[in-house]
Amino acid sequence: MIGYFVSNPKSHIHNDMETPAPARKIVLVGPSGVGKTKLARKLLGTYFDNCPYLPTFGVDVHPLTLSNGKRVNLWDCAGDERYAGLGAGYYCGAYGFVILTNEALFHKTAEWVQRVRGYDPNARVVIALDGEISPKNLVVRINIERGTNLEEPFALLSEA
């Protein structure tokens, strides 16, 4: 007689390590030239002061672990209007959005909020202001040059 032994291959596996939470998709948007890529590179530790300005074409995706231990996939989207039509494809499945602006382009912030909310009316949105301006609702002050509060907009969205 031939015997067969069928076992559940997972039944004998014991994993002492906790499975990490999946990375949340956070989309970084804002006007062209405001410093989105510079912010992403500073967070990743790959920014150098002598780097020339090169606009983003489409999107760059960067895995990032924040100092609070949360993992995010940072989608650095082009701010140029000619790429606006691609936004919906990049926004799909996003956990939240960071709208980066500065004092000179702060007046365009409402347009970016409308664009994001037009795609998802319930979207989690944090507005990150590079520089000084009187605080507004949903605004996080950052300073890319000094490296001040660079993680705060992403940390706010990674909490839930």
C-alpha atoms as a PDB file:
ATOM      1  CA  MET A   1       0.000   0.000   0.000  1.00  0.00           C
ATOM      2  CA  ILE A   2       1.259   3.411  -0.900  1.00  0.00           C
ATOM      3  CA  GLY A   3       0.631   6.083   1.658  1.00  0.00           C
ATOM      4  CA  TYR A   4       0.146   9.729   0.935  1.00  0.00           C
ATOM      5  CA  PHE A   5       0.850  12.497   3.355  1.00  0.00           C
ATOM      6  CA  VAL A   6      -0.687  15.841   2.570  1.00  0.00           C
ATOM      7  CA  SER A   7       0.231  18.770   4.707  1.00  0.00           C
ATOM      8  CA  ASN A   8      -0.440  22.431   4.651  1.00  0.00           C
ATOM      9  CA  PRO A   9       2.960  23.883   3.791  1.00  0.00           C
ATOM     10  CA  LYS A  10       2.165  26.990   5.810  1.00  0.00           C
ATOM     11  CA  SER A  11       1.234  25.039   8.929  1.00  0.00           C
ATOM     12  CA  HIS A  12       4.828  24.405   9.952  1.00  0.00           C
ATOM     13  CA  ILE A  13       6.157  27.862   9.167  1.00  0.00           C
ATOM     14  CA  HIS A  14       6.698  30.040  12.188  1.00  0.00           C
ATOM     15  CA  ASN A  15       7.675  33.640  11.688  1.00  0.00           C
ATOM     16  CA  ASP A  16       8.808  35.574  14.746  1.00  0.00           C
ATOM     17  CA  MET A  17       9.104  38.791  12.736  1.00  0.00           C
ATOM     18  CA  GLU A  18       6.076  40.971  12.355  1.00  0.00           C
ATOM     19  CA  THR A  19       5.093  41.602   8.754  1.00  0.00           C
ATOM     20  CA  PRO A  20       5.673  45.276   7.989  1.00  0.00           C
ATOM     21  CA  ALA A  21       2.688  47.379   7.029  1.00  0.00           C
ATOM     22  CA  PRO A  22       2.453  48.050   3.309  1.00  0.00           C
ATOM     23  CA  ALA A  23       3.869  51.340   2.103  1.00  0.00           C
ATOM     24  CA  ARG A  24       1.270  54.036   1.548  1.00  0.00           C
ATOM     25  CA  LYS A  25       1.197  55.857  -1.749  1.00  0.00           C
ATOM     26  CA  ILE A  26       1.599  59.591  -1.195  1.00  0.00           C
ATOM     27  CA  VAL A  27       1.539  61.852  -4.232  1.00  0.00           C
ATOM     28  CA  LEU A  28       3.618  65.039  -4.217  1.00  0.00           C
ATOM     29  CA  VAL A  29       2.081  67.726  -6.457  1.00  0.00           C
ATOM     30  CA  GLY A  30       2.291  71.465  -6.964  1.00  0.00           C
ATOM     31  CA  PRO A  31       3.279  74.114  -9.484  1.00  0.00           C
ATOM     32  CA  SER A  32       6.280  73.627 -11.740  1.00  0.00           C
ATOM     33  CA  GLY A  33       9.576  74.795 -10.262  1.00  0.00           C
ATOM     34  CA  VAL A  34       8.401  74.954  -6.646  1.00  0.00           C
ATOM     35  CA  GLY A  35      10.882  72.317  -5.437  1.00  0.00           C
ATOM     36  CA  LYS A  36       9.023  68.988  -5.383  1.00  0.00           C
ATOM     37  CA  THR A  37      11.962  66.991  -6.728  1.00  0.00           C
ATOM     38  CA  LYS A  38      14.371  68.879  -4.493  1.00  0.00           C
ATOM     39  CA  LEU A  39      12.208  67.968  -1.485  1.00  0.00           C
ATOM     40  CA  ALA A  40      12.064  64.302  -2.541  1.00  0.00           C
ATOM     41  CA  ARG A  41      15.830  64.151  -3.070  1.00  0.00           C
ATOM     42  CA  LYS A  42      16.570  65.827   0.261  1.00  0.00           C
ATOM     43  CA  LEU A  43      14.332  63.274   2.009  1.00  0.00           C
ATOM     44  CA  LEU A  44      16.159  60.470   0.196  1.00  0.00           C
ATOM     45  CA  GLY A  45      19.581  61.956   0.906  1.00  0.00           C
ATOM     46  CA  THR A  46      20.396  62.235  -2.801  1.00  0.00           C
ATOM     47  CA  TYR A  47      20.288  66.015  -3.214  1.00  0.00           C
ATOM     48  CA  PHE A  48      23.415  68.060  -3.769  1.00  0.00           C
ATOM     49  CA  ASP A  49      23.460  71.870  -3.781  1.00  0.00           C
ATOM     50  CA  ASN A  50      25.225  72.074  -7.135  1.00  0.00           C
ATOM     51  CA  CYS A  51      22.567  70.042  -8.984  1.00  0.00           C
ATOM     52  CA  PRO A  52      21.082  71.934 -11.933  1.00  0.00           C
ATOM     53  CA  TYR A  53      17.316  72.381 -12.145  1.00  0.00           C
ATOM     54  CA  LEU A  54      15.789  69.687 -14.315  1.00  0.00           C
ATOM     55  CA  PRO A  55      12.007  69.478 -14.541  1.00  0.00           C
ATOM     56  CA  THR A  56      10.308  66.156 -13.849  1.00  0.00           C
ATOM     57  CA  PHE A  57       8.772  64.501 -16.892  1.00  0.00           C
ATOM     58  CA  GLY A  58       5.705  62.573 -15.780  1.00  0.00           C
ATOM     59  CA  VAL A  59       6.427  61.028 -12.382  1.00  0.00           C
ATOM     60  CA  ASP A  60       9.293  59.643 -10.303  1.00  0.00           C
ATOM     61  CA  VAL A  61       8.455  57.078  -7.614  1.00  0.00           C
ATOM     62  CA  HIS A  62      10.646  56.776  -4.517  1.00  0.00           C
ATOM     63  CA  PRO A  63      10.252  54.282  -1.644  1.00  0.00           C
ATOM     64  CA  LEU A  64      10.904  56.101   1.608  1.00  0.00           C
ATOM     65  CA  THR A  65      10.953  55.112   5.277  1.00  0.00           C
ATOM     66  CA  LEU A  66      10.188  58.065   7.520  1.00  0.00           C
ATOM     67  CA  SER A  67      11.852  58.629  10.878  1.00  0.00           C
ATOM     68  CA  ASN A  68       8.594  57.469  12.542  1.00  0.00           C
ATOM     69  CA  GLY A  69       9.118  54.057  10.902  1.00  0.00           C
ATOM     70  CA  LYS A  70       6.244  54.452   8.453  1.00  0.00           C
ATOM     71  CA  ARG A  71       6.916  53.442   4.872  1.00  0.00           C
ATOM     72  CA  VAL A  72       5.602  55.488   1.966  1.00  0.00           C
ATOM     73  CA  ASN A  73       5.938  55.391  -1.777  1.00  0.00           C
ATOM     74  CA  LEU A  74       6.502  59.014  -2.705  1.00  0.00           C
ATOM     75  CA  TRP A  75       5.193  59.855  -6.163  1.00  0.00           C
ATOM     76  CA  ASP A  76       6.943  63.042  -7.307  1.00  0.00           C
ATOM     77  CA  CYS A  77       4.675  64.353 -10.087  1.00  0.00           C
ATOM     78  CA  ALA A  78       5.569  66.915 -12.724  1.00  0.00           C
ATOM     79  CA  GLY A  79       3.990  70.306 -12.105  1.00  0.00           C
ATOM     80  CA  ASP A  80       4.081  71.480 -15.715  1.00  0.00           C
ATOM     81  CA  GLU A  81       0.591  72.026 -17.137  1.00  0.00           C
ATOM     82  CA  ARG A  82       1.327  69.869 -20.189  1.00  0.00           C
ATOM     83  CA  TYR A  83       1.368  66.822 -17.875  1.00  0.00           C
ATOM     84  CA  ALA A  84      -1.895  67.708 -16.101  1.00  0.00           C
ATOM     85  CA  GLY A  85      -3.819  65.111 -18.099  1.00  0.00           C
ATOM     86  CA  LEU A  86      -1.664  62.333 -16.669  1.00  0.00           C
ATOM     87  CA  GLY A  87      -2.565  63.259 -13.098  1.00  0.00           C
ATOM     88  CA  ALA A  88      -5.561  60.964 -12.756  1.00  0.00           C
ATOM     89  CA  GLY A  89      -3.407  57.963 -13.603  1.00  0.00           C
ATOM     90  CA  TYR A  90      -0.855  58.959 -10.987  1.00  0.00           C
ATOM     91  CA  TYR A  91      -3.483  59.801  -8.359  1.00  0.00           C
ATOM     92  CA  CYS A  92      -5.185  56.389  -8.573  1.00  0.00           C
ATOM     93  CA  GLY A  93      -4.854  54.473  -5.317  1.00  0.00           C
ATOM     94  CA  ALA A  94      -3.220  57.342  -3.438  1.00  0.00           C
ATOM     95  CA  TYR A  95      -3.500  57.350   0.342  1.00  0.00           C
ATOM     96  CA  GLY A  96      -2.890  61.092   0.418  1.00  0.00           C
ATOM     97  CA  PHE A  97      -1.452  64.124  -1.314  1.00  0.00           C
ATOM     98  CA  VAL A  98       1.134  66.715  -0.393  1.00  0.00           C
ATOM     99  CA  ILE A  99       0.732  69.980  -2.287  1.00  0.00           C
ATOM    100  CA  LEU A 100       4.056  71.813  -2.198  1.00  0.00           C
ATOM    101  CA  THR A 101       4.045  75.552  -2.739  1.00  0.00           C
ATOM    102  CA  ASN A 102       5.990  78.665  -1.861  1.00  0.00           C
ATOM    103  CA  GLU A 103       5.042  82.266  -1.169  1.00  0.00           C
ATOM    104  CA  ALA A 104       5.316  83.316  -4.820  1.00  0.00           C
ATOM    105  CA  LEU A 105       3.025  80.499  -5.999  1.00  0.00           C
ATOM    106  CA  PHE A 106       0.758  80.216  -2.955  1.00  0.00           C
ATOM    107  CA  HIS A 107      -2.113  81.760  -4.950  1.00  0.00           C
ATOM    108  CA  LYS A 108      -2.183  78.582  -7.105  1.00  0.00           C
ATOM    109  CA  THR A 109      -2.760  76.304  -4.121  1.00  0.00           C
ATOM    110  CA  ALA A 110      -6.552  76.335  -4.471  1.00  0.00           C
ATOM    111  CA  GLU A 111      -6.209  75.108  -8.067  1.00  0.00           C
ATOM    112  CA  TRP A 112      -4.162  72.149  -6.880  1.00  0.00           C
ATOM    113  CA  VAL A 113      -6.620  71.350  -4.095  1.00  0.00           C
ATOM    114  CA  GLN A 114      -9.454  71.433  -6.666  1.00  0.00           C
ATOM    115  CA  ARG A 115      -7.497  69.190  -9.028  1.00  0.00           C
ATOM    116  CA  VAL A 116      -6.888  66.596  -6.312  1.00  0.00           C
ATOM    117  CA  ARG A 117     -10.417  66.838  -4.887  1.00  0.00           C
ATOM    118  CA  GLY A 118     -11.825  66.616  -8.432  1.00  0.00           C
ATOM    119  CA  TYR A 119     -10.273  63.195  -8.639  1.00  0.00           C
ATOM    120  CA  ASP A 120     -11.136  62.166  -5.073  1.00  0.00           C
ATOM    121  CA  PRO A 121     -13.458  64.423  -3.023  1.00  0.00           C
ATOM    122  CA  ASN A 122     -12.377  62.652   0.193  1.00  0.00           C
ATOM    123  CA  ALA A 123      -8.646  62.832  -0.472  1.00  0.00           C
ATOM    124  CA  ARG A 124      -6.293  63.442   2.439  1.00  0.00           C
ATOM    125  CA  VAL A 125      -4.438  66.642   1.545  1.00  0.00           C
ATOM    126  CA  VAL A 126      -1.579  68.411   3.284  1.00  0.00           C
ATOM    127  CA  ILE A 127      -0.295  71.724   1.950  1.00  0.00           C
ATOM    128  CA  ALA A 128       3.440  72.133   2.515  1.00  0.00           C
ATOM    129  CA  LEU A 129       4.730  75.673   2.332  1.00  0.00           C
ATOM    130  CA  ASP A 130       8.415  76.184   1.612  1.00  0.00           C
ATOM    131  CA  GLY A 131       9.331  79.479   3.242  1.00  0.00           C
ATOM    132  CA  GLU A 132       7.455  82.001   5.328  1.00  0.00           C
ATOM    133  CA  ILE A 133       3.823  83.063   5.035  1.00  0.00           C
ATOM    134  CA  SER A 134       1.039  83.414   7.565  1.00  0.00           C
ATOM    135  CA  PRO A 135      -0.293  79.953   8.382  1.00  0.00           C
ATOM    136  CA  LYS A 136      -3.490  78.788   6.725  1.00  0.00           C
ATOM    137  CA  ASN A 137      -5.691  75.785   7.270  1.00  0.00           C
ATOM    138  CA  LEU A 138      -3.910  72.525   6.337  1.00  0.00           C
ATOM    139  CA  VAL A 139      -0.537  74.218   5.875  1.00  0.00           C
ATOM    140  CA  VAL A 140       2.706  72.699   7.145  1.00  0.00           C
ATOM    141  CA  ARG A 141       5.703  74.993   7.105  1.00  0.00           C
ATOM    142  CA  ILE A 142       8.866  73.470   5.685  1.00  0.00           C
ATOM    143  CA  ASN A 143      12.165  74.892   4.523  1.00  0.00           C
ATOM    144  CA  ILE A 144      13.901  72.772   1.915  1.00  0.00           C
ATOM    145  CA  GLU A 145      17.180  74.686   2.014  1.00  0.00           C
ATOM    146  CA  ARG A 146      17.538  74.365   5.801  1.00  0.00           C
ATOM    147  CA  GLY A 147      16.013  70.879   5.909  1.00  0.00           C
ATOM    148  CA  THR A 148      13.339  71.990   8.396  1.00  0.00           C
ATOM    149  CA  ASN A 149      10.202  69.840   8.818  1.00  0.00           C
ATOM    150  CA  LEU A 150      10.756  68.005   5.515  1.00  0.00           C
ATOM    151  CA  GLU A 151       9.072  64.831   6.761  1.00  0.00           C
ATOM    152  CA  GLU A 152       6.133  66.480   8.527  1.00  0.00           C
ATOM    153  CA  PRO A 153       3.661  66.573   5.583  1.00  0.00           C
ATOM    154  CA  PHE A 154       4.366  62.907   4.832  1.00  0.00           C
ATOM    155  CA  ALA A 155       4.246  61.879   8.483  1.00  0.00           C
ATOM    156  CA  LEU A 156       0.831  63.571   8.881  1.00  0.00           C
ATOM    157  CA  LEU A 157      -0.522  61.553   5.975  1.00  0.00           C
ATOM    158  CA  SER A 158       1.107  58.308   7.109  1.00  0.00           C
ATOM    159  CA  GLU A 159      -0.735  58.447  10.459  1.00  0.00           C
ATOM    160  CA  ALA A 160      -4.204  57.003  10.539  1.00  0.00           C
END
